[in-house]
């Protein structure tokens, strides 16, 4: 399935065992980019921690935000 217009996605990985480490998250973000070439932001939620990945300059760059709440997160409305 191709999603040519998708730019941002948030995924809840709280129930995944084992929890994907940073390297595995980068691989997952890159795999999503194969099917969604327009993707620029991938966020993985693990309970109250958000692992954000931004695609710039042909690379994925990580950022970790602790003590966030997925239902109160306003990232989607700011973009």
C-alpha atoms as a PDB file:
ATOM      1  CA  UNK A   1       0.000   0.000   0.000  1.00  0.00           C
ATOM      2  CA  UNK A   2       1.341   3.426  -0.912  1.00  0.00           C
ATOM      3  CA  UNK A   3       0.607   6.539   1.135  1.00  0.00           C
ATOM      4  CA  UNK A   4       2.142   9.324  -0.977  1.00  0.00           C
ATOM      5  CA  UNK A   5       0.786  12.283   1.040  1.00  0.00           C
ATOM      6  CA  UNK A   6       1.432  11.116   4.611  1.00  0.00           C
ATOM      7  CA  UNK A   7       3.909  13.430   6.381  1.00  0.00           C
ATOM      8  CA  UNK A   8       3.427  12.661  10.113  1.00  0.00           C
ATOM      9  CA  UNK A   9       2.508   9.521  12.021  1.00  0.00           C
ATOM     10  CA  UNK A  10       2.281   8.611  15.729  1.00  0.00           C
ATOM     11  CA  UNK A  11       2.458   4.951  16.749  1.00  0.00           C
ATOM     12  CA  UNK A  12       1.781   3.518  20.215  1.00  0.00           C
ATOM     13  CA  UNK A  13       4.346   0.797  20.931  1.00  0.00           C
ATOM     14  CA  UNK A  14       3.601   0.485  24.667  1.00  0.00           C
ATOM     15  CA  UNK A  15       2.520  -3.152  24.372  1.00  0.00           C
ATOM     16  CA  UNK A  16       5.413  -4.282  22.178  1.00  0.00           C
ATOM     17  CA  UNK A  17       7.739  -6.755  23.849  1.00  0.00           C
ATOM     18  CA  UNK A  18      10.596  -6.274  23.784  1.00  0.00           C
ATOM     19  CA  UNK A  19      10.480  -2.497  23.484  1.00  0.00           C
ATOM     20  CA  UNK A  20      12.289  -1.423  20.260  1.00  0.00           C
ATOM     21  CA  UNK A  21      15.578   0.272  21.125  1.00  0.00           C
ATOM     22  CA  UNK A  22      16.743   3.415  19.303  1.00  0.00           C
ATOM     23  CA  UNK A  23      18.391   1.546  16.435  1.00  0.00           C
ATOM     24  CA  UNK A  24      15.284  -0.542  15.829  1.00  0.00           C
ATOM     25  CA  UNK A  25      13.119   2.594  15.865  1.00  0.00           C
ATOM     26  CA  UNK A  26      15.331   4.166  13.195  1.00  0.00           C
ATOM     27  CA  UNK A  27      14.916   1.032  11.071  1.00  0.00           C
ATOM     28  CA  UNK A  28      11.126   1.116  11.528  1.00  0.00           C
ATOM     29  CA  UNK A  29      11.017   4.804  10.549  1.00  0.00           C
ATOM     30  CA  UNK A  30      13.119   4.067   7.450  1.00  0.00           C
ATOM     31  CA  UNK A  31      10.805   1.180   6.532  1.00  0.00           C
ATOM     32  CA  UNK A  32       7.776   3.462   6.820  1.00  0.00           C
ATOM     33  CA  UNK A  33       9.555   5.896   4.465  1.00  0.00           C
ATOM     34  CA  UNK A  34       9.759   3.147   1.821  1.00  0.00           C
ATOM     35  CA  UNK A  35       5.956   3.088   1.641  1.00  0.00           C
ATOM     36  CA  UNK A  36       5.423   6.785   2.421  1.00  0.00           C
ATOM     37  CA  UNK A  37       8.169   8.751   0.642  1.00  0.00           C
ATOM     38  CA  UNK A  38       6.673  12.043   1.842  1.00  0.00           C
ATOM     39  CA  UNK A  39       6.968  11.133   5.555  1.00  0.00           C
ATOM     40  CA  UNK A  40       9.006  13.603   7.613  1.00  0.00           C
ATOM     41  CA  UNK A  41       8.055  12.851  11.250  1.00  0.00           C
ATOM     42  CA  UNK A  42       7.533   9.506  12.969  1.00  0.00           C
ATOM     43  CA  UNK A  43       6.686   9.401  16.682  1.00  0.00           C
ATOM     44  CA  UNK A  44       6.784   6.226  18.736  1.00  0.00           C
ATOM     45  CA  UNK A  45       4.903   6.401  22.050  1.00  0.00           C
ATOM     46  CA  UNK A  46       6.029   4.163  24.877  1.00  0.00           C
ATOM     47  CA  UNK A  47       3.686   4.917  27.798  1.00  0.00           C
ATOM     48  CA  UNK A  48       4.416   8.582  28.616  1.00  0.00           C
ATOM     49  CA  UNK A  49       7.610   8.840  26.578  1.00  0.00           C
ATOM     50  CA  UNK A  50       7.599  10.003  22.981  1.00  0.00           C
ATOM     51  CA  UNK A  51      10.478   9.106  20.683  1.00  0.00           C
ATOM     52  CA  UNK A  52      10.328  11.523  17.745  1.00  0.00           C
ATOM     53  CA  UNK A  53      12.190  10.972  14.508  1.00  0.00           C
ATOM     54  CA  UNK A  54      12.617  13.794  11.993  1.00  0.00           C
ATOM     55  CA  UNK A  55      13.809  13.185   8.450  1.00  0.00           C
ATOM     56  CA  UNK A  56      16.079  15.991   7.229  1.00  0.00           C
ATOM     57  CA  UNK A  57      19.141  16.099   4.995  1.00  0.00           C
ATOM     58  CA  UNK A  58      18.591  12.469   3.963  1.00  0.00           C
ATOM     59  CA  UNK A  59      18.894  11.220   7.582  1.00  0.00           C
ATOM     60  CA  UNK A  60      16.664  10.336  10.530  1.00  0.00           C
ATOM     61  CA  UNK A  61      17.308  12.435  13.661  1.00  0.00           C
ATOM     62  CA  UNK A  62      15.970  11.328  17.098  1.00  0.00           C
ATOM     63  CA  UNK A  63      14.523  13.334  19.960  1.00  0.00           C
ATOM     64  CA  UNK A  64      13.109  11.936  23.220  1.00  0.00           C
ATOM     65  CA  UNK A  65      10.355  13.724  25.146  1.00  0.00           C
ATOM     66  CA  UNK A  66       9.680  12.369  28.653  1.00  0.00           C
ATOM     67  CA  UNK A  67       6.508  12.825  30.686  1.00  0.00           C
ATOM     68  CA  UNK A  68       4.237  13.516  27.710  1.00  0.00           C
ATOM     69  CA  UNK A  69       0.679  12.250  27.501  1.00  0.00           C
ATOM     70  CA  UNK A  70      -0.413  10.903  24.102  1.00  0.00           C
ATOM     71  CA  UNK A  71      -4.003  12.098  24.460  1.00  0.00           C
ATOM     72  CA  UNK A  72      -2.919  15.628  25.381  1.00  0.00           C
ATOM     73  CA  UNK A  73      -0.108  15.916  22.832  1.00  0.00           C
ATOM     74  CA  UNK A  74      -0.632  18.845  20.451  1.00  0.00           C
ATOM     75  CA  UNK A  75       2.082  17.973  17.902  1.00  0.00           C
ATOM     76  CA  UNK A  76      -0.458  17.009  15.250  1.00  0.00           C
ATOM     77  CA  UNK A  77      -2.198  20.369  15.500  1.00  0.00           C
ATOM     78  CA  UNK A  78       1.009  22.416  15.233  1.00  0.00           C
ATOM     79  CA  UNK A  79       2.123  20.969  11.934  1.00  0.00           C
END
